[in-house]
PDB file of N, CA and C in Angstrom:
ATOM      1  N   GLN A   1     -54.999-126.917 154.126  1.00  0.00           N
ATOM      2  CA  GLN A   1     -55.251-127.204 155.521  1.00  0.00           C
ATOM      3  C   GLN A   1     -54.564-126.159 156.393  1.00  0.00           C
ATOM      4  N   TRP A   2     -53.366-125.740 156.004  1.00  0.00           N
ATOM      5  CA  TRP A   2     -52.644-124.743 156.791  1.00  0.00           C
ATOM      6  C   TRP A   2     -53.391-123.411 156.801  1.00  0.00           C
ATOM      7  N   LEU A   3     -53.973-123.025 155.661  1.00  0.00           N
ATOM      8  CA  LEU A   3     -54.701-121.764 155.615  1.00  0.00           C
ATOM      9  C   LEU A   3     -55.992-121.837 156.425  1.00  0.00           C
ATOM     10  N   ARG A   4     -56.597-123.034 156.493  1.00  0.00           N
ATOM     11  CA  ARG A   4     -57.818-123.174 157.273  1.00  0.00           C
ATOM     12  C   ARG A   4     -57.539-123.137 158.763  1.00  0.00           C
ATOM     13  N   ASN A   5     -56.388-123.667 159.195  1.00  0.00           N
ATOM     14  CA  ASN A   5     -56.091-123.732 160.620  1.00  0.00           C
ATOM     15  C   ASN A   5     -54.591-123.586 160.847  1.00  0.00           C
ATOM     16  N   PRO A   6     -54.006-122.386 160.647  1.00  0.00           N
ATOM     17  CA  PRO A   6     -52.561-122.247 160.813  1.00  0.00           C
ATOM     18  C   PRO A   6     -52.102-122.178 162.256  1.00  0.00           C
ATOM     19  N   GLY A   7     -53.004-122.145 163.181  1.00  0.00           N
ATOM     20  CA  GLY A   7     -52.595-122.054 164.576  1.00  0.00           C
ATOM     21  C   GLY A   7     -53.392-120.972 165.269  1.00  0.00           C
ATOM     22  N   PRO A   8     -52.732-120.184 166.089  1.00  0.00           N
ATOM     23  CA  PRO A   8     -53.439-119.125 166.803  1.00  0.00           C
ATOM     24  C   PRO A   8     -54.103-118.124 165.856  1.00  0.00           C
ATOM     25  N   HIS A   9     -55.152-117.508 166.331  1.00  0.00           N
ATOM     26  CA  HIS A   9     -55.923-116.552 165.530  1.00  0.00           C
ATOM     27  C   HIS A   9     -55.063-115.372 165.080  1.00  0.00           C
ATOM     28  N   ARG A  10     -54.080-115.021 165.887  1.00  0.00           N
ATOM     29  CA  ARG A  10     -53.196-113.898 165.557  1.00  0.00           C
ATOM     30  C   ARG A  10     -52.430-114.146 164.265  1.00  0.00           C
ATOM     31  N   GLU A  11     -52.011-115.393 164.022  1.00  0.00           N
ATOM     32  CA  GLU A  11     -51.257-115.721 162.810  1.00  0.00           C
ATOM     33  C   GLU A  11     -52.133-115.593 161.576  1.00  0.00           C
ATOM     34  N   LYS A  12     -53.408-115.968 161.675  1.00  0.00           N
ATOM     35  CA  LYS A  12     -54.330-115.780 160.556  1.00  0.00           C
ATOM     36  C   LYS A  12     -54.488-114.292 160.241  1.00  0.00           C
ATOM     37  N   ARG A  13     -54.665-113.509 161.286  1.00  0.00           N
ATOM     38  CA  ARG A  13     -54.852-112.064 161.105  1.00  0.00           C
ATOM     39  C   ARG A  13     -53.602-111.429 160.509  1.00  0.00           C
ATOM     40  N   THR A  14     -52.421-111.866 160.936  1.00  0.00           N
ATOM     41  CA  THR A  14     -51.175-111.329 160.404  1.00  0.00           C
ATOM     42  C   THR A  14     -51.012-111.679 158.934  1.00  0.00           C
ATOM     43  N   LEU A  15     -51.303-112.925 158.568  1.00  0.00           N
ATOM     44  CA  LEU A  15     -51.196-113.329 157.169  1.00  0.00           C
ATOM     45  C   LEU A  15     -52.171-112.542 156.309  1.00  0.00           C
ATOM     46  N   PHE A  16     -53.407-112.410 156.747  1.00  0.00           N
ATOM     47  CA  PHE A  16     -54.397-111.656 155.985  1.00  0.00           C
ATOM     48  C   PHE A  16     -53.985-110.193 155.860  1.00  0.00           C
ATOM     49  N   GLY A  17     -53.514-109.595 156.945  1.00  0.00           N
ATOM     50  CA  GLY A  17     -53.077-108.199 156.914  1.00  0.00           C
ATOM     51  C   GLY A  17     -51.900-107.983 155.980  1.00  0.00           C
ATOM     52  N   ASP A  18     -50.938-108.888 156.008  1.00  0.00           N
ATOM     53  CA  ASP A  18     -49.788-108.760 155.122  1.00  0.00           C
ATOM     54  C   ASP A  18     -50.179-108.932 153.653  1.00  0.00           C
ATOM     55  N   MET A  19     -51.131-109.819 153.387  1.00  0.00           N
ATOM     56  CA  MET A  19     -51.588-109.992 152.002  1.00  0.00           C
ATOM     57  C   MET A  19     -52.295-108.728 151.504  1.00  0.00           C
ATOM     58  N   VAL A  20     -53.133-108.133 152.348  1.00  0.00           N
ATOM     59  CA  VAL A  20     -53.818-106.892 151.968  1.00  0.00           C
ATOM     60  C   VAL A  20     -52.802-105.771 151.752  1.00  0.00           C
ATOM     61  N   CYS A  21     -51.840-105.655 152.656  1.00  0.00           N
ATOM     62  CA  CYS A  21     -50.799-104.626 152.508  1.00  0.00           C
ATOM     63  C   CYS A  21     -49.999-104.840 151.234  1.00  0.00           C
ATOM     64  N   PHE A  22     -49.649-106.081 150.952  1.00  0.00           N
ATOM     65  CA  PHE A  22     -48.880-106.366 149.741  1.00  0.00           C
ATOM     66  C   PHE A  22     -49.675-105.963 148.497  1.00  0.00           C
ATOM     67  N   LEU A  23     -50.954-106.324 148.456  1.00  0.00           N
ATOM     68  CA  LEU A  23     -51.781-105.984 147.294  1.00  0.00           C
ATOM     69  C   LEU A  23     -52.034-104.486 147.183  1.00  0.00           C
ATOM     70  N   PHE A  24     -51.999-103.774 148.285  1.00  0.00           N
ATOM     71  CA  PHE A  24     -52.211-102.331 148.271  1.00  0.00           C
ATOM     72  C   PHE A  24     -50.916-101.568 148.013  1.00  0.00           C
ATOM     73  N   ILE A  25     -49.824-102.001 148.625  1.00  0.00           N
ATOM     74  CA  ILE A  25     -48.564-101.263 148.544  1.00  0.00           C
ATOM     75  C   ILE A  25     -47.838-101.488 147.218  1.00  0.00           C
ATOM     76  N   THR A  26     -47.960-102.666 146.633  1.00  0.00           N
ATOM     77  CA  THR A  26     -47.233-102.956 145.399  1.00  0.00           C
ATOM     78  C   THR A  26     -47.575-101.972 144.273  1.00  0.00           C
ATOM     79  N   PRO A  27     -48.853-101.762 143.953  1.00  0.00           N
ATOM     80  CA  PRO A  27     -49.131-100.775 142.895  1.00  0.00           C
ATOM     81  C   PRO A  27     -48.721 -99.355 143.292  1.00  0.00           C
ATOM     82  N   LEU A  28     -48.892 -99.013 144.581  1.00  0.00           N
ATOM     83  CA  LEU A  28     -48.494 -97.675 145.020  1.00  0.00           C
ATOM     84  C   LEU A  28     -46.988 -97.464 144.888  1.00  0.00           C
ATOM     85  N   ALA A  29     -46.207 -98.460 145.270  1.00  0.00           N
ATOM     86  CA  ALA A  29     -44.749 -98.344 145.160  1.00  0.00           C
ATOM     87  C   ALA A  29     -44.323 -98.269 143.697  1.00  0.00           C
ATOM     88  N   THR A  30     -44.982 -99.038 142.842  1.00  0.00           N
ATOM     89  CA  THR A  30     -44.646 -99.024 141.418  1.00  0.00           C
ATOM     90  C   THR A  30     -44.944 -97.659 140.802  1.00  0.00           C
ATOM     91  N   VAL A  31     -46.131 -97.138 141.058  1.00  0.00           N
ATOM     92  CA  VAL A  31     -46.509 -95.836 140.497  1.00  0.00           C
ATOM     93  C   VAL A  31     -45.637 -94.725 141.084  1.00  0.00           C
ATOM     94  N   SER A  32     -45.378 -94.783 142.379  1.00  0.00           N
ATOM     95  CA  SER A  32     -44.545 -93.755 143.009  1.00  0.00           C
ATOM     96  C   SER A  32     -43.128 -93.777 142.454  1.00  0.00           C
ATOM     97  N   GLY A  33     -42.572 -94.973 142.288  1.00  0.00           N
ATOM     98  CA  GLY A  33     -41.231 -95.079 141.720  1.00  0.00           C
ATOM     99  C   GLY A  33     -41.179 -94.565 140.299  1.00  0.00           C
ATOM    100  N   TRP A  34     -42.191 -94.896 139.514  1.00  0.00           N
ATOM    101  CA  TRP A  34     -42.222 -94.429 138.123  1.00  0.00           C
ATOM    102  C   TRP A  34     -42.336 -92.906 138.073  1.00  0.00           C
ATOM    103  N   LEU A  35     -43.204 -92.328 138.922  1.00  0.00           N
ATOM    104  CA  LEU A  35     -43.349 -90.868 138.946  1.00  0.00           C
ATOM    105  C   LEU A  35     -42.062 -90.176 139.393  1.00  0.00           C
ATOM    106  N   CYS A  36     -41.380 -90.750 140.383  1.00  0.00           N
ATOM    107  CA  CYS A  36     -40.113 -90.163 140.841  1.00  0.00           C
ATOM    108  C   CYS A  36     -39.067 -90.196 139.726  1.00  0.00           C
ATOM    109  N   LEU A  37     -39.007 -91.314 139.025  1.00  0.00           N
ATOM    110  CA  LEU A  37     -38.023 -91.408 137.942  1.00  0.00           C
ATOM    111  C   LEU A  37     -38.376 -90.481 136.778  1.00  0.00           C
ATOM    112  N   ARG A  38     -39.657 -90.352 136.451  1.00  0.00           N
ATOM    113  CA  ARG A  38     -40.068 -89.404 135.395  1.00  0.00           C
ATOM    114  C   ARG A  38     -39.713 -87.978 135.803  1.00  0.00           C
ATOM    115  N   GLY A  39     -39.967 -87.649 137.073  1.00  0.00           N
ATOM    116  CA  GLY A  39     -39.610 -86.321 137.558  1.00  0.00           C
ATOM    117  C   GLY A  39     -38.110 -86.094 137.530  1.00  0.00           C
ATOM    118  N   ALA A  40     -37.340 -87.128 137.843  1.00  0.00           N
ATOM    119  CA  ALA A  40     -35.876 -87.001 137.802  1.00  0.00           C
ATOM    120  C   ALA A  40     -35.397 -86.757 136.379  1.00  0.00           C
ATOM    121  N   VAL A  41     -35.976 -87.471 135.428  1.00  0.00           N
ATOM    122  CA  VAL A  41     -35.595 -87.267 134.013  1.00  0.00           C
ATOM    123  C   VAL A  41     -35.960 -85.854 133.575  1.00  0.00           C
ATOM    124  N   ASP A  42     -37.139 -85.378 133.929  1.00  0.00           N
ATOM    125  CA  ASP A  42     -37.546 -84.015 133.567  1.00  0.00           C
ATOM    126  C   ASP A  42     -36.633 -82.975 134.209  1.00  0.00           C
ATOM    127  N   HIS A  43     -36.258 -83.187 135.473  1.00  0.00           N
ATOM    128  CA  HIS A  43     -35.366 -82.235 136.143  1.00  0.00           C
ATOM    129  C   HIS A  43     -33.971 -82.262 135.542  1.00  0.00           C
ATOM    130  N   LEU A  44     -33.533 -83.408 135.071  1.00  0.00           N
ATOM    131  CA  LEU A  44     -32.214 -83.467 134.432  1.00  0.00           C
ATOM    132  C   LEU A  44     -32.201 -82.658 133.132  1.00  0.00           C
ATOM    133  N   HIS A  45     -33.304 -82.688 132.407  1.00  0.00           N
ATOM    134  CA  HIS A  45     -33.354 -81.977 131.127  1.00  0.00           C
ATOM    135  C   HIS A  45     -33.669 -80.496 131.273  1.00  0.00           C
ATOM    136  N   PHE A  46     -34.516 -80.124 132.221  1.00  0.00           N
ATOM    137  CA  PHE A  46     -35.003 -78.751 132.269  1.00  0.00           C
ATOM    138  C   PHE A  46     -34.609 -77.960 133.515  1.00  0.00           C
ATOM    139  N   SER A  47     -34.237 -78.607 134.580  1.00  0.00           N
ATOM    140  CA  SER A  47     -33.985 -77.880 135.829  1.00  0.00           C
ATOM    141  C   SER A  47     -32.663 -78.300 136.442  1.00  0.00           C
ATOM    142  N   SER A  48     -32.635 -78.222 137.761  1.00  0.00           N
ATOM    143  CA  SER A  48     -31.399 -78.504 138.482  1.00  0.00           C
ATOM    144  C   SER A  48     -31.155 -80.001 138.619  1.00  0.00           C
ATOM    145  N   ARG A  49     -29.907 -80.336 138.653  1.00  0.00           N
ATOM    146  CA  ARG A  49     -29.509 -81.731 138.837  1.00  0.00           C
ATOM    147  C   ARG A  49     -29.696 -82.172 140.292  1.00  0.00           C
ATOM    148  N   LEU A  50     -29.644 -81.237 141.211  1.00  0.00           N
ATOM    149  CA  LEU A  50     -29.791 -81.578 142.624  1.00  0.00           C
ATOM    150  C   LEU A  50     -31.176 -82.171 142.905  1.00  0.00           C
ATOM    151  N   GLU A  51     -32.210 -81.611 142.323  1.00  0.00           N
ATOM    152  CA  GLU A  51     -33.551 -82.148 142.509  1.00  0.00           C
ATOM    153  C   GLU A  51     -33.672 -83.523 141.854  1.00  0.00           C
ATOM    154  N   ALA A  52     -33.024 -83.717 140.724  1.00  0.00           N
ATOM    155  CA  ALA A  52     -33.045 -85.020 140.044  1.00  0.00           C
ATOM    156  C   ALA A  52     -32.364 -86.082 140.902  1.00  0.00           C
ATOM    157  N   VAL A  53     -31.238 -85.719 141.493  1.00  0.00           N
ATOM    158  CA  VAL A  53     -30.531 -86.660 142.361  1.00  0.00           C
ATOM    159  C   VAL A  53     -31.394 -86.984 143.590  1.00  0.00           C
ATOM    160  N   GLY A  54     -32.062 -85.989 144.127  1.00  0.00           N
ATOM    161  CA  GLY A  54     -32.950 -86.219 145.264  1.00  0.00           C
ATOM    162  C   GLY A  54     -34.098 -87.160 144.909  1.00  0.00           C
ATOM    163  N   LEU A  55     -34.684 -87.003 143.726  1.00  0.00           N
ATOM    164  CA  LEU A  55     -35.769 -87.885 143.303  1.00  0.00           C
ATOM    165  C   LEU A  55     -35.269 -89.313 143.056  1.00  0.00           C
ATOM    166  N   ILE A  56     -34.071 -89.438 142.523  1.00  0.00           N
ATOM    167  CA  ILE A  56     -33.496 -90.774 142.313  1.00  0.00           C
ATOM    168  C   ILE A  56     -33.211 -91.436 143.664  1.00  0.00           C
ATOM    169  N   ALA A  57     -32.685 -90.658 144.616  1.00  0.00           N
ATOM    170  CA  ALA A  57     -32.439 -91.198 145.961  1.00  0.00           C
ATOM    171  C   ALA A  57     -33.756 -91.598 146.626  1.00  0.00           C
ATOM    172  N   LEU A  58     -34.805 -90.823 146.424  1.00  0.00           N
ATOM    173  CA  LEU A  58     -36.119 -91.153 146.971  1.00  0.00           C
ATOM    174  C   LEU A  58     -36.646 -92.460 146.367  1.00  0.00           C
ATOM    175  N   THR A  59     -36.435 -92.644 145.070  1.00  0.00           N
ATOM    176  CA  THR A  59     -36.865 -93.876 144.402  1.00  0.00           C
ATOM    177  C   THR A  59     -36.108 -95.080 144.950  1.00  0.00           C
ATOM    178  N   VAL A  60     -34.808 -94.935 145.113  1.00  0.00           N
ATOM    179  CA  VAL A  60     -33.995 -96.035 145.646  1.00  0.00           C
ATOM    180  C   VAL A  60     -34.425 -96.366 147.069  1.00  0.00           C
ATOM    181  N   ALA A  61     -34.661 -95.342 147.886  1.00  0.00           N
ATOM    182  CA  ALA A  61     -35.105 -95.574 149.268  1.00  0.00           C
ATOM    183  C   ALA A  61     -36.474 -96.248 149.290  1.00  0.00           C
ATOM    184  N   LEU A  62     -37.369 -95.810 148.441  1.00  0.00           N
ATOM    185  CA  LEU A  62     -38.707 -96.382 148.374  1.00  0.00           C
ATOM    186  C   LEU A  62     -38.657 -97.867 148.031  1.00  0.00           C
ATOM    187  N   PHE A  63     -37.917 -98.216 146.996  1.00  0.00           N
ATOM    188  CA  PHE A  63     -37.846 -99.623 146.592  1.00  0.00           C
ATOM    189  C   PHE A  63     -37.043-100.468 147.579  1.00  0.00           C
ATOM    190  N   THR A  64     -36.058 -99.885 148.233  1.00  0.00           N
ATOM    191  CA  THR A  64     -35.307-100.623 149.244  1.00  0.00           C
ATOM    192  C   THR A  64     -36.214-100.983 150.423  1.00  0.00           C
ATOM    193  N   ILE A  65     -36.987-100.008 150.879  1.00  0.00           N
ATOM    194  CA  ILE A  65     -37.912-100.271 151.988  1.00  0.00           C
ATOM    195  C   ILE A  65     -38.970-101.279 151.578  1.00  0.00           C
ATOM    196  N   TYR A  66     -39.501-101.149 150.362  1.00  0.00           N
ATOM    197  CA  TYR A  66     -40.521-102.083 149.875  1.00  0.00           C
ATOM    198  C   TYR A  66     -39.966-103.507 149.787  1.00  0.00           C
ATOM    199  N   LEU A  67     -38.785-103.674 149.222  1.00  0.00           N
ATOM    200  CA  LEU A  67     -38.184-105.011 149.108  1.00  0.00           C
ATOM    201  C   LEU A  67     -37.844-105.583 150.484  1.00  0.00           C
ATOM    202  N   PHE A  68     -37.340-104.747 151.383  1.00  0.00           N
ATOM    203  CA  PHE A  68     -37.023-105.215 152.730  1.00  0.00           C
ATOM    204  C   PHE A  68     -38.287-105.708 153.431  1.00  0.00           C
ATOM    205  N   TRP A  69     -39.371-104.931 153.368  1.00  0.00           N
ATOM    206  CA  TRP A  69     -40.621-105.345 153.999  1.00  0.00           C
ATOM    207  C   TRP A  69     -41.146-106.634 153.377  1.00  0.00           C
ATOM    208  N   THR A  70     -41.085-106.732 152.051  1.00  0.00           N
ATOM    209  CA  THR A  70     -41.581-107.930 151.369  1.00  0.00           C
ATOM    210  C   THR A  70     -40.783-109.161 151.780  1.00  0.00           C
ATOM    211  N   LEU A  71     -39.470-109.057 151.809  1.00  0.00           N
ATOM    212  CA  LEU A  71     -38.628-110.203 152.170  1.00  0.00           C
ATOM    213  C   LEU A  71     -38.815-110.607 153.631  1.00  0.00           C
ATOM    214  N   VAL A  72     -38.882-109.636 154.524  1.00  0.00           N
ATOM    215  CA  VAL A  72     -39.066-109.953 155.945  1.00  0.00           C
ATOM    216  C   VAL A  72     -40.429-110.607 156.166  1.00  0.00           C
ATOM    217  N   SER A  73     -41.460-110.072 155.544  1.00  0.00           N
ATOM    218  CA  SER A  73     -42.796-110.631 155.693  1.00  0.00           C
ATOM    219  C   SER A  73     -42.868-112.045 155.118  1.00  0.00           C
ATOM    220  N   PHE A  74     -42.294-112.232 153.936  1.00  0.00           N
ATOM    221  CA  PHE A  74     -42.301-113.554 153.303  1.00  0.00           C
ATOM    222  C   PHE A  74     -41.529-114.562 154.154  1.00  0.00           C
ATOM    223  N   ARG A  75     -40.389-114.161 154.674  1.00  0.00           N
ATOM    224  CA  ARG A  75     -39.581-115.051 155.511  1.00  0.00           C
ATOM    225  C   ARG A  75     -40.331-115.427 156.795  1.00  0.00           C
ATOM    226  N   TYR A  76     -41.015-114.471 157.389  1.00  0.00           N
ATOM    227  CA  TYR A  76     -41.778-114.721 158.606  1.00  0.00           C
ATOM    228  C   TYR A  76     -42.873-115.755 158.349  1.00  0.00           C
ATOM    229  N   HIS A  77     -43.619-115.585 157.261  1.00  0.00           N
ATOM    230  CA  HIS A  77     -44.712-116.514 156.977  1.00  0.00           C
ATOM    231  C   HIS A  77     -44.191-117.884 156.545  1.00  0.00           C
ATOM    232  N   CYS A  78     -43.067-117.935 155.867  1.00  0.00           N
ATOM    233  CA  CYS A  78     -42.456-119.234 155.533  1.00  0.00           C
ATOM    234  C   CYS A  78     -42.006-119.955 156.804  1.00  0.00           C
ATOM    235  N   ARG A  79     -41.452-119.201 157.755  1.00  0.00           N
ATOM    236  CA  ARG A  79     -41.025-119.802 159.017  1.00  0.00           C
ATOM    237  C   ARG A  79     -42.220-120.341 159.793  1.00  0.00           C
ATOM    238  N   LEU A  80     -43.317-119.593 159.816  1.00  0.00           N
ATOM    239  CA  LEU A  80     -44.531-120.071 160.476  1.00  0.00           C
ATOM    240  C   LEU A  80     -45.067-121.332 159.798  1.00  0.00           C
ATOM    241  N   TYR A  81     -45.044-121.344 158.481  1.00  0.00           N
ATOM    242  CA  TYR A  81     -45.537-122.507 157.741  1.00  0.00           C
ATOM    243  C   TYR A  81     -44.661-123.733 158.004  1.00  0.00           C
ATOM    244  N   ASN A  82     -43.354-123.554 157.984  1.00  0.00           N
ATOM    245  CA  ASN A  82     -42.451-124.686 158.240  1.00  0.00           C
ATOM    246  C   ASN A  82     -42.601-125.203 159.664  1.00  0.00           C
ATOM    247  N   GLU A  83     -42.788-124.308 160.615  1.00  0.00           N
ATOM    248  CA  GLU A  83     -43.012-124.729 162.012  1.00  0.00           C
ATOM    249  C   GLU A  83     -44.334-125.490 162.120  1.00  0.00           C
ATOM    250  N   TRP A  84     -45.352-125.012 161.439  1.00  0.00           N
ATOM    251  CA  TRP A  84     -46.639-125.707 161.443  1.00  0.00           C
ATOM    252  C   TRP A  84     -46.506-127.095 160.819  1.00  0.00           C
ATOM    253  N   ARG A  85     -45.787-127.181 159.694  1.00  0.00           N
ATOM    254  CA  ARG A  85     -45.595-128.477 159.033  1.00  0.00           C
ATOM    255  C   ARG A  85     -44.852-129.458 159.929  1.00  0.00           C
ATOM    256  N   ARG A  86     -43.878-128.949 160.668  1.00  0.00           N
ATOM    257  CA  ARG A  86     -43.080-129.803 161.543  1.00  0.00           C
ATOM    258  C   ARG A  86     -43.898-130.316 162.723  1.00  0.00           C
ATOM    259  N   THR A  87     -44.794-129.493 163.247  1.00  0.00           N
ATOM    260  CA  THR A  87     -45.524-129.882 164.454  1.00  0.00           C
ATOM    261  C   THR A  87     -46.902-130.470 164.190  1.00  0.00           C
ATOM    262  N   ASN A  88     -47.408-130.406 162.982  1.00  0.00           N
ATOM    263  CA  ASN A  88     -48.755-130.894 162.678  1.00  0.00           C
ATOM    264  C   ASN A  88     -48.736-131.970 161.604  1.00  0.00           C
ATOM    265  N   GLN A  89     -48.024-133.030 161.862  1.00  0.00           N
ATOM    266  CA  GLN A  89     -47.974-134.127 160.905  1.00  0.00           C
ATOM    267  C   GLN A  89     -48.925-135.221 161.348  1.00  0.00           C
ATOM    268  N   ARG A  90     -49.690-135.703 160.414  1.00  0.00           N
ATOM    269  CA  ARG A  90     -50.573-136.840 160.678  1.00  0.00           C
ATOM    270  C   ARG A  90     -50.173-137.945 159.718  1.00  0.00           C
ATOM    271  N   VAL A  91     -49.628-138.998 160.267  1.00  0.00           N
ATOM    272  CA  VAL A  91     -49.144-140.105 159.457  1.00  0.00           C
ATOM    273  C   VAL A  91     -49.776-141.394 159.959  1.00  0.00           C
ATOM    274  N   ILE A  92     -50.271-142.208 159.024  1.00  0.00           N
ATOM    275  CA  ILE A  92     -50.823-143.517 159.362  1.00  0.00           C
ATOM    276  C   ILE A  92     -49.963-144.557 158.661  1.00  0.00           C
ATOM    277  N   LEU A  93     -49.551-145.547 159.409  1.00  0.00           N
ATOM    278  CA  LEU A  93     -48.786-146.639 158.829  1.00  0.00           C
ATOM    279  C   LEU A  93     -49.786-147.718 158.411  1.00  0.00           C
ATOM    280  N   LEU A  94     -49.844-147.986 157.121  1.00  0.00           N
ATOM    281  CA  LEU A  94     -50.760-148.990 156.603  1.00  0.00           C
ATOM    282  C   LEU A  94     -50.068-150.334 156.576  1.00  0.00           C
ATOM    283  N   ILE A  95     -50.705-151.320 157.178  1.00  0.00           N
ATOM    284  CA  ILE A  95     -50.180-152.676 157.157  1.00  0.00           C
ATOM    285  C   ILE A  95     -50.960-153.434 156.083  1.00  0.00           C
ATOM    286  N   PRO A  96     -50.282-153.921 155.050  1.00  0.00           N
ATOM    287  CA  PRO A  96     -51.008-154.593 153.981  1.00  0.00           C
ATOM    288  C   PRO A  96     -51.653-155.884 154.490  1.00  0.00           C
ATOM    289  N   LYS A  97     -52.817-156.168 153.960  1.00  0.00           N
ATOM    290  CA  LYS A  97     -53.507-157.390 154.347  1.00  0.00           C
ATOM    291  C   LYS A  97     -52.762-158.572 153.750  1.00  0.00           C
ATOM    292  N   SER A  98     -52.552-159.563 154.577  1.00  0.00           N
ATOM    293  CA  SER A  98     -51.867-160.763 154.113  1.00  0.00           C
ATOM    294  C   SER A  98     -52.846-161.632 153.333  1.00  0.00           C
ATOM    295  N   ALA A  99     -52.356-162.252 152.297  1.00  0.00           N
ATOM    296  CA  ALA A  99     -53.207-163.109 151.468  1.00  0.00           C
ATOM    297  C   ALA A  99     -53.622-164.356 152.244  1.00  0.00           C
ATOM    298  N   ASN A 100     -52.832-164.773 153.221  1.00  0.00           N
ATOM    299  CA  ASN A 100     -53.113-165.993 153.960  1.00  0.00           C
ATOM    300  C   ASN A 100     -54.043-165.790 155.145  1.00  0.00           C
ATOM    301  N   ILE A 101     -54.128-164.566 155.663  1.00  0.00           N
ATOM    302  CA  ILE A 101     -54.911-164.310 156.868  1.00  0.00           C
ATOM    303  C   ILE A 101     -56.204-163.607 156.469  1.00  0.00           C
ATOM    304  N   PRO A 102     -57.335-164.212 156.734  1.00  0.00           N
ATOM    305  CA  PRO A 102     -58.612-163.533 156.440  1.00  0.00           C
ATOM    306  C   PRO A 102     -58.768-162.287 157.306  1.00  0.00           C
ATOM    307  N   SER A 103     -59.621-161.381 156.864  1.00  0.00           N
ATOM    308  CA  SER A 103     -59.760-160.104 157.562  1.00  0.00           C
ATOM    309  C   SER A 103     -60.302-160.280 158.975  1.00  0.00           C
ATOM    310  N   ASN A 104     -61.152-161.280 159.216  1.00  0.00           N
ATOM    311  CA  ASN A 104     -61.671-161.449 160.578  1.00  0.00           C
ATOM    312  C   ASN A 104     -60.587-161.952 161.527  1.00  0.00           C
ATOM    313  N   GLN A 105     -59.603-162.700 161.008  1.00  0.00           N
ATOM    314  CA  GLN A 105     -58.497-163.147 161.855  1.00  0.00           C
ATOM    315  C   GLN A 105     -57.514-162.012 162.120  1.00  0.00           C
ATOM    316  N   GLN A 106     -57.416-161.055 161.188  1.00  0.00           N
ATOM    317  CA  GLN A 106     -56.538-159.908 161.417  1.00  0.00           C
ATOM    318  C   GLN A 106     -57.014-159.120 162.629  1.00  0.00           C
ATOM    319  N   SER A 107     -58.318-158.964 162.782  1.00  0.00           N
ATOM    320  CA  SER A 107     -58.819-158.226 163.941  1.00  0.00           C
ATOM    321  C   SER A 107     -58.575-159.019 165.225  1.00  0.00           C
ATOM    322  N   LEU A 108     -58.587-160.346 165.129  1.00  0.00           N
ATOM    323  CA  LEU A 108     -58.293-161.162 166.302  1.00  0.00           C
ATOM    324  C   LEU A 108     -56.825-161.066 166.696  1.00  0.00           C
ATOM    325  N   LEU A 109     -55.949-160.861 165.689  1.00  0.00           N
ATOM    326  CA  LEU A 109     -54.519-160.738 165.966  1.00  0.00           C
ATOM    327  C   LEU A 109     -54.147-159.349 166.489  1.00  0.00           C
ATOM    328  N   GLY A 110     -55.101-158.440 166.518  1.00  0.00           N
ATOM    329  CA  GLY A 110     -54.803-157.095 167.022  1.00  0.00           C
ATOM    330  C   GLY A 110     -54.390-156.137 165.933  1.00  0.00           C
ATOM    331  N   LEU A 111     -54.513-156.522 164.674  1.00  0.00           N
ATOM    332  CA  LEU A 111     -54.188-155.607 163.586  1.00  0.00           C
ATOM    333  C   LEU A 111     -55.397-154.697 163.366  1.00  0.00           C
ATOM    334  N   PRO A 112     -55.203-153.419 163.455  1.00  0.00           N
ATOM    335  CA  PRO A 112     -56.343-152.504 163.347  1.00  0.00           C
ATOM    336  C   PRO A 112     -56.860-152.455 161.918  1.00  0.00           C
ATOM    337  N   SER A 113     -58.175-152.260 161.811  1.00  0.00           N
ATOM    338  CA  SER A 113     -58.728-152.041 160.485  1.00  0.00           C
ATOM    339  C   SER A 113     -58.362-150.622 160.074  1.00  0.00           C
ATOM    340  N   VAL A 114     -58.086-150.434 158.809  1.00  0.00           N
ATOM    341  CA  VAL A 114     -57.560-149.161 158.330  1.00  0.00           C
ATOM    342  C   VAL A 114     -58.686-148.366 157.701  1.00  0.00           C
ATOM    343  N   LYS A 115     -58.917-147.178 158.246  1.00  0.00           N
ATOM    344  CA  LYS A 115     -59.861-146.228 157.675  1.00  0.00           C
ATOM    345  C   LYS A 115     -59.064-145.016 157.272  1.00  0.00           C
ATOM    346  N   ARG A 116     -59.243-144.569 156.037  1.00  0.00           N
ATOM    347  CA  ARG A 116     -58.470-143.438 155.536  1.00  0.00           C
ATOM    348  C   ARG A 116     -59.213-142.134 155.789  1.00  0.00           C
ATOM    349  N   ASN A 117     -58.497-141.185 156.284  1.00  0.00           N
ATOM    350  CA  ASN A 117     -59.020-139.854 156.525  1.00  0.00           C
ATOM    351  C   ASN A 117     -58.309-138.927 155.557  1.00  0.00           C
ATOM    352  N   SER A 118     -59.016-137.982 154.971  1.00  0.00           N
ATOM    353  CA  SER A 118     -58.411-137.092 153.965  1.00  0.00           C
ATOM    354  C   SER A 118     -57.324-136.212 154.538  1.00  0.00           C
ATOM    355  N   LYS A 119     -57.279-136.012 155.858  1.00  0.00           N
ATOM    356  CA  LYS A 119     -56.264-135.171 156.482  1.00  0.00           C
ATOM    357  C   LYS A 119     -54.988-135.945 156.814  1.00  0.00           C
ATOM    358  N   GLU A 120     -54.971-137.227 156.536  1.00  0.00           N
ATOM    359  CA  GLU A 120     -53.833-138.040 156.965  1.00  0.00           C
ATOM    360  C   GLU A 120     -52.996-138.447 155.774  1.00  0.00           C
ATOM    361  N   THR A 121     -51.716-138.591 156.002  1.00  0.00           N
ATOM    362  CA  THR A 121     -50.775-138.972 154.967  1.00  0.00           C
ATOM    363  C   THR A 121     -50.584-140.459 154.980  1.00  0.00           C
ATOM    364  N   VAL A 122     -50.654-141.077 153.801  1.00  0.00           N
ATOM    365  CA  VAL A 122     -50.462-142.520 153.694  1.00  0.00           C
ATOM    366  C   VAL A 122     -48.996-142.783 153.447  1.00  0.00           C
ATOM    367  N   VAL A 123     -48.416-143.685 154.244  1.00  0.00           N
ATOM    368  CA  VAL A 123     -47.003-144.024 154.113  1.00  0.00           C
ATOM    369  C   VAL A 123     -46.898-145.479 153.674  1.00  0.00           C
TER     370      VAL A 123
END
């Protein structure tokens, strides 16, 4: 239900955009990190150590930025979801039918007839 109607249209667009970015950036960050580390290993064996250290620093920076973006994005969407859950609660209090009172007398007493809706929580 939250994905169908999370609130303003902007929040839907942000969630969709972040999901696309996550699916696109994750493989790119993985491949880039692996290539940087392979290059660092090759430079350690065959060339200068300074270039290897630079590639290792680039890998650390890449994964730090990726993890920071992932955590901030995840936290933002969790906060939106929790706010939505707090403000969009539908609860119906069900009053059990008494064995002594027929259903037609319950309506005379002002007890509402209970119709269940799939969007409502039964308590």
